[in-house]
PDB file of N, CA and C in Angstrom:
ATOM      1  N   MET A   1     311.241 182.684  55.370  1.00  0.00           N
ATOM      2  CA  MET A   1     310.876 181.926  56.218  1.00  0.00           C
ATOM      3  C   MET A   1     310.721 182.915  57.097  1.00  0.00           C
ATOM      4  N   LYS A   2     309.264 182.241  58.231  1.00  0.00           N
ATOM      5  CA  LYS A   2     308.422 182.490  58.641  1.00  0.00           C
ATOM      6  C   LYS A   2     309.681 183.660  59.990  1.00  0.00           C
ATOM      7  N   GLU A   3     309.308 184.834  60.433  1.00  0.00           N
ATOM      8  CA  GLU A   3     309.567 185.264  61.101  1.00  0.00           C
ATOM      9  C   GLU A   3     308.482 185.263  62.772  1.00  0.00           C
ATOM     10  N   PHE A   4     309.278 184.446  63.769  1.00  0.00           N
ATOM     11  CA  PHE A   4     308.508 184.659  65.372  1.00  0.00           C
ATOM     12  C   PHE A   4     309.692 185.435  66.061  1.00  0.00           C
ATOM     13  N   ILE A   5     308.171 186.211  66.739  1.00  0.00           N
ATOM     14  CA  ILE A   5     308.302 187.278  67.951  1.00  0.00           C
ATOM     15  C   ILE A   5     308.928 186.273  69.310  1.00  0.00           C
ATOM     16  N   PHE A   6     309.168 186.129  69.461  1.00  0.00           N
ATOM     17  CA  PHE A   6     309.559 186.043  71.572  1.00  0.00           C
ATOM     18  C   PHE A   6     310.128 187.354  72.616  1.00  0.00           C
ATOM     19  N   LEU A   7     308.897 186.938  73.272  1.00  0.00           N
ATOM     20  CA  LEU A   7     309.062 188.572  74.114  1.00  0.00           C
ATOM     21  C   LEU A   7     310.068 188.403  75.074  1.00  0.00           C
ATOM     22  N   SER A   8     310.998 188.028  75.514  1.00  0.00           N
ATOM     23  CA  SER A   8     312.115 187.909  77.115  1.00  0.00           C
ATOM     24  C   SER A   8     312.149 188.988  77.370  1.00  0.00           C
ATOM     25  N   ILE A   9     310.823 189.872  78.762  1.00  0.00           N
ATOM     26  CA  ILE A   9     311.795 191.027  79.220  1.00  0.00           C
ATOM     27  C   ILE A   9     310.970 190.659  80.494  1.00  0.00           C
ATOM     28  N   PRO A  10     312.210 191.337  81.377  1.00  0.00           N
ATOM     29  CA  PRO A  10     311.928 191.303  82.822  1.00  0.00           C
ATOM     30  C   PRO A  10     310.887 191.773  83.382  1.00  0.00           C
ATOM     31  N   GLU A  11     310.258 192.456  83.116  1.00  0.00           N
ATOM     32  CA  GLU A  11     309.743 193.569  83.196  1.00  0.00           C
ATOM     33  C   GLU A  11     308.095 193.343  83.153  1.00  0.00           C
ATOM     34  N   CYS A  12     307.248 192.642  84.537  1.00  0.00           N
ATOM     35  CA  CYS A  12     305.999 192.397  84.171  1.00  0.00           C
ATOM     36  C   CYS A  12     304.819 193.695  83.182  1.00  0.00           C
ATOM     37  N   LEU A  13     305.073 194.209  82.843  1.00  0.00           N
ATOM     38  CA  LEU A  13     304.524 195.076  82.185  1.00  0.00           C
ATOM     39  C   LEU A  13     304.844 195.463  80.795  1.00  0.00           C
ATOM     40  N   VAL A  14     304.535 194.651  79.712  1.00  0.00           N
ATOM     41  CA  VAL A  14     305.008 194.232  78.407  1.00  0.00           C
ATOM     42  C   VAL A  14     304.050 195.023  77.717  1.00  0.00           C
ATOM     43  N   THR A  15     303.044 196.177  77.916  1.00  0.00           N
ATOM     44  CA  THR A  15     302.201 196.420  76.849  1.00  0.00           C
ATOM     45  C   THR A  15     302.710 197.319  75.697  1.00  0.00           C
ATOM     46  N   VAL A  16     303.664 198.525  76.486  1.00  0.00           N
ATOM     47  CA  VAL A  16     304.664 198.964  75.328  1.00  0.00           C
ATOM     48  C   VAL A  16     305.243 198.838  74.200  1.00  0.00           C
ATOM     49  N   VAL A  17     305.496 197.832  74.770  1.00  0.00           N
ATOM     50  CA  VAL A  17     306.837 196.739  73.943  1.00  0.00           C
ATOM     51  C   VAL A  17     305.700 196.171  73.185  1.00  0.00           C
ATOM     52  N   ILE A  18     304.839 195.512  73.561  1.00  0.00           N
ATOM     53  CA  ILE A  18     303.375 194.629  72.724  1.00  0.00           C
ATOM     54  C   ILE A  18     303.110 195.920  71.322  1.00  0.00           C
ATOM     55  N   ASP A  19     303.185 196.806  71.942  1.00  0.00           N
ATOM     56  CA  ASP A  19     302.469 198.101  71.010  1.00  0.00           C
ATOM     57  C   ASP A  19     303.302 198.514  69.878  1.00  0.00           C
ATOM     58  N   ALA A  20     304.477 198.265  70.529  1.00  0.00           N
ATOM     59  CA  ALA A  20     305.791 198.892  69.712  1.00  0.00           C
ATOM     60  C   ALA A  20     306.031 197.516  68.533  1.00  0.00           C
ATOM     61  N   VAL A  21     306.144 196.676  68.832  1.00  0.00           N
ATOM     62  CA  VAL A  21     306.117 195.601  67.837  1.00  0.00           C
ATOM     63  C   VAL A  21     305.035 195.329  67.089  1.00  0.00           C
ATOM     64  N   SER A  22     304.274 195.288  66.969  1.00  0.00           N
ATOM     65  CA  SER A  22     302.811 195.441  66.259  1.00  0.00           C
ATOM     66  C   SER A  22     303.191 196.709  65.734  1.00  0.00           C
ATOM     67  N   ILE A  23     302.833 197.708  65.917  1.00  0.00           N
ATOM     68  CA  ILE A  23     303.647 199.130  65.406  1.00  0.00           C
ATOM     69  C   ILE A  23     304.354 198.822  63.630  1.00  0.00           C
ATOM     70  N   ASP A  24     305.338 198.480  64.246  1.00  0.00           N
ATOM     71  CA  ASP A  24     306.890 198.240  63.337  1.00  0.00           C
ATOM     72  C   ASP A  24     307.035 197.004  62.868  1.00  0.00           C
ATOM     73  N   LEU A  25     306.024 195.894  63.034  1.00  0.00           N
ATOM     74  CA  LEU A  25     305.608 194.725  61.578  1.00  0.00           C
ATOM     75  C   LEU A  25     304.537 194.970  60.815  1.00  0.00           C
ATOM     76  N   PHE A  26     303.689 196.080  61.443  1.00  0.00           N
ATOM     77  CA  PHE A  26     302.533 196.450  60.854  1.00  0.00           C
ATOM     78  C   PHE A  26     303.433 197.093  59.347  1.00  0.00           C
ATOM     79  N   GLU A  27     304.366 198.262  59.927  1.00  0.00           N
ATOM     80  CA  GLU A  27     305.004 199.099  58.788  1.00  0.00           C
ATOM     81  C   GLU A  27     305.812 197.960  58.400  1.00  0.00           C
ATOM     82  N   LYS A  28     306.248 197.328  58.736  1.00  0.00           N
ATOM     83  CA  LYS A  28     307.511 196.455  58.034  1.00  0.00           C
ATOM     84  C   LYS A  28     306.821 195.654  56.728  1.00  0.00           C
ATOM     85  N   TYR A  29     305.263 194.834  56.596  1.00  0.00           N
ATOM     86  CA  TYR A  29     304.891 193.618  55.995  1.00  0.00           C
ATOM     87  C   TYR A  29     304.282 194.800  55.171  1.00  0.00           C
ATOM     88  N   SER A  30     303.028 195.763  55.584  1.00  0.00           N
ATOM     89  CA  SER A  30     302.556 196.203  54.788  1.00  0.00           C
ATOM     90  C   SER A  30     302.998 197.674  53.836  1.00  0.00           C
ATOM     91  N   GLY A  31     304.333 198.305  54.198  1.00  0.00           N
ATOM     92  CA  GLY A  31     304.614 199.131  53.142  1.00  0.00           C
ATOM     93  C   GLY A  31     304.472 200.270  53.473  1.00  0.00           C
ATOM     94  N   LYS A  32     303.597 200.619  54.821  1.00  0.00           N
ATOM     95  CA  LYS A  32     302.704 201.989  54.534  1.00  0.00           C
ATOM     96  C   LYS A  32     302.691 202.250  56.434  1.00  0.00           C
ATOM     97  N   LYS A  33     303.175 202.845  56.619  1.00  0.00           N
ATOM     98  CA  LYS A  33     303.530 203.790  57.897  1.00  0.00           C
ATOM     99  C   LYS A  33     301.618 203.671  58.693  1.00  0.00           C
ATOM    100  N   ILE A  34     301.502 203.805  59.660  1.00  0.00           N
ATOM    101  CA  ILE A  34     300.487 203.495  60.597  1.00  0.00           C
ATOM    102  C   ILE A  34     299.482 205.026  60.248  1.00  0.00           C
ATOM    103  N   SER A  35     300.417 205.896  60.133  1.00  0.00           N
ATOM    104  CA  SER A  35     299.657 207.279  59.984  1.00  0.00           C
ATOM    105  C   SER A  35     298.997 207.178  58.760  1.00  0.00           C
ATOM    106  N   GLU A  36     298.735 206.239  57.856  1.00  0.00           N
ATOM    107  CA  GLU A  36     298.525 205.937  56.533  1.00  0.00           C
ATOM    108  C   GLU A  36     297.115 205.907  56.878  1.00  0.00           C
ATOM    109  N   VAL A  37     296.906 204.637  57.758  1.00  0.00           N
ATOM    110  CA  VAL A  37     295.774 203.929  58.151  1.00  0.00           C
ATOM    111  C   VAL A  37     295.313 204.371  58.955  1.00  0.00           C
ATOM    112  N   ALA A  38     295.605 204.914  60.190  1.00  0.00           N
ATOM    113  CA  ALA A  38     294.662 205.346  61.217  1.00  0.00           C
ATOM    114  C   ALA A  38     294.783 206.811  61.516  1.00  0.00           C
ATOM    115  N   PHE A  39     294.304 207.445  62.384  1.00  0.00           N
ATOM    116  CA  PHE A  39     294.788 208.750  62.636  1.00  0.00           C
ATOM    117  C   PHE A  39     296.654 208.999  62.464  1.00  0.00           C
ATOM    118  N   ASP A  40     296.466 210.111  62.323  1.00  0.00           N
ATOM    119  CA  ASP A  40     297.675 210.972  62.286  1.00  0.00           C
ATOM    120  C   ASP A  40     298.705 211.332  63.430  1.00  0.00           C
ATOM    121  N   LEU A  41     299.035 210.540  64.700  1.00  0.00           N
ATOM    122  CA  LEU A  41     298.961 210.730  66.186  1.00  0.00           C
ATOM    123  C   LEU A  41     300.405 210.499  65.972  1.00  0.00           C
ATOM    124  N   PRO A  42     301.345 211.290  66.440  1.00  0.00           N
ATOM    125  CA  PRO A  42     302.747 210.622  67.325  1.00  0.00           C
ATOM    126  C   PRO A  42     303.022 210.054  67.957  1.00  0.00           C
ATOM    127  N   TYR A  43     302.675 208.493  67.202  1.00  0.00           N
ATOM    128  CA  TYR A  43     302.456 207.067  68.486  1.00  0.00           C
ATOM    129  C   TYR A  43     303.814 207.159  68.647  1.00  0.00           C
ATOM    130  N   ARG A  44     305.345 207.603  68.341  1.00  0.00           N
ATOM    131  CA  ARG A  44     306.600 207.414  68.840  1.00  0.00           C
ATOM    132  C   ARG A  44     306.492 207.981  70.104  1.00  0.00           C
ATOM    133  N   HIS A  45     306.336 208.986  70.259  1.00  0.00           N
ATOM    134  CA  HIS A  45     306.165 209.848  71.287  1.00  0.00           C
ATOM    135  C   HIS A  45     304.869 209.287  72.422  1.00  0.00           C
ATOM    136  N   GLN A  46     304.520 208.736  72.066  1.00  0.00           N
ATOM    137  CA  GLN A  46     303.238 208.352  73.069  1.00  0.00           C
ATOM    138  C   GLN A  46     304.242 206.570  74.094  1.00  0.00           C
ATOM    139  N   LEU A  47     304.502 206.066  72.961  1.00  0.00           N
ATOM    140  CA  LEU A  47     305.468 204.926  73.306  1.00  0.00           C
ATOM    141  C   LEU A  47     306.450 205.310  74.604  1.00  0.00           C
ATOM    142  N   GLU A  48     307.707 206.209  73.593  1.00  0.00           N
ATOM    143  CA  GLU A  48     308.058 206.777  74.597  1.00  0.00           C
ATOM    144  C   GLU A  48     307.739 207.511  76.219  1.00  0.00           C
ATOM    145  N   TYR A  49     306.581 208.106  75.699  1.00  0.00           N
ATOM    146  CA  TYR A  49     306.477 208.065  77.030  1.00  0.00           C
ATOM    147  C   TYR A  49     306.083 207.508  78.353  1.00  0.00           C
ATOM    148  N   ALA A  50     305.148 206.345  77.766  1.00  0.00           N
ATOM    149  CA  ALA A  50     304.842 205.410  78.317  1.00  0.00           C
ATOM    150  C   ALA A  50     305.806 204.763  78.815  1.00  0.00           C
ATOM    151  N   LYS A  51     306.910 204.929  78.314  1.00  0.00           N
ATOM    152  CA  LYS A  51     308.449 204.127  78.818  1.00  0.00           C
ATOM    153  C   LYS A  51     308.350 204.292  79.652  1.00  0.00           C
ATOM    154  N   GLU A  52     308.435 206.157  80.058  1.00  0.00           N
ATOM    155  CA  GLU A  52     308.956 207.225  80.962  1.00  0.00           C
ATOM    156  C   GLU A  52     308.271 207.039  81.943  1.00  0.00           C
ATOM    157  N   ILE A  53     307.302 207.091  82.202  1.00  0.00           N
ATOM    158  CA  ILE A  53     306.212 206.919  83.212  1.00  0.00           C
ATOM    159  C   ILE A  53     306.099 205.239  83.858  1.00  0.00           C
ATOM    160  N   GLY A  54     306.876 204.263  83.524  1.00  0.00           N
ATOM    161  CA  GLY A  54     306.938 202.910  84.004  1.00  0.00           C
ATOM    162  C   GLY A  54     305.661 201.774  83.645  1.00  0.00           C
ATOM    163  N   PHE A  55     305.256 202.221  82.037  1.00  0.00           N
ATOM    164  CA  PHE A  55     304.608 201.390  81.789  1.00  0.00           C
ATOM    165  C   PHE A  55     305.342 200.516  80.426  1.00  0.00           C
ATOM    166  N   GLY A  56     306.444 199.949  80.894  1.00  0.00           N
ATOM    167  CA  GLY A  56     307.107 199.347  80.119  1.00  0.00           C
ATOM    168  C   GLY A  56     308.382 199.779  79.544  1.00  0.00           C
ATOM    169  N   ASN A  57     308.434 198.912  78.590  1.00  0.00           N
ATOM    170  CA  ASN A  57     309.951 199.372  77.967  1.00  0.00           C
ATOM    171  C   ASN A  57     309.129 199.178  75.908  1.00  0.00           C
ATOM    172  N   VAL A  58     309.813 199.871  75.030  1.00  0.00           N
ATOM    173  CA  VAL A  58     309.961 199.994  73.483  1.00  0.00           C
ATOM    174  C   VAL A  58     310.936 198.906  73.136  1.00  0.00           C
ATOM    175  N   GLU A  59     311.971 198.707  73.637  1.00  0.00           N
ATOM    176  CA  GLU A  59     313.095 197.805  73.202  1.00  0.00           C
ATOM    177  C   GLU A  59     312.979 196.232  72.858  1.00  0.00           C
ATOM    178  N   TYR A  60     312.967 195.853  72.200  1.00  0.00           N
ATOM    179  CA  TYR A  60     313.027 194.732  71.516  1.00  0.00           C
ATOM    180  C   TYR A  60     313.675 193.983  70.603  1.00  0.00           C
ATOM    181  N   GLU A  61     314.135 192.693  70.997  1.00  0.00           N
ATOM    182  CA  GLU A  61     314.875 192.139  69.388  1.00  0.00           C
ATOM    183  C   GLU A  61     314.213 190.696  68.901  1.00  0.00           C
ATOM    184  N   ILE A  62     313.965 190.823  67.409  1.00  0.00           N
ATOM    185  CA  ILE A  62     313.562 190.194  67.014  1.00  0.00           C
ATOM    186  C   ILE A  62     314.750 188.642  66.248  1.00  0.00           C
ATOM    187  N   VAL A  63     314.153 187.870  66.546  1.00  0.00           N
ATOM    188  CA  VAL A  63     314.474 186.456  66.553  1.00  0.00           C
ATOM    189  C   VAL A  63     314.700 185.458  64.885  1.00  0.00           C
ATOM    190  N   LYS A  64     314.887 185.599  64.490  1.00  0.00           N
ATOM    191  CA  LYS A  64     314.712 184.280  63.239  1.00  0.00           C
ATOM    192  C   LYS A  64     315.125 183.035  63.607  1.00  0.00           C
ATOM    193  N   VAL A  65     314.326 182.354  63.409  1.00  0.00           N
ATOM    194  CA  VAL A  65     314.202 180.662  63.627  1.00  0.00           C
ATOM    195  C   VAL A  65     314.392 180.081  62.231  1.00  0.00           C
TER     196      VAL A  65
END
């Protein structure tokens, strides 16, 4: 079954959640951590900080259809 991601977010700034979904899906389907194939940066901290300063949200839900 294929997974489709529908982002239903009341905030107009969805940049952070798109980054979070992209990283999570990459790690899920590749079986690798993003730090294994890209720079070893504290990306989760960066996403949380972006949320904190108002760039959006990091919470989402994947719905299987």
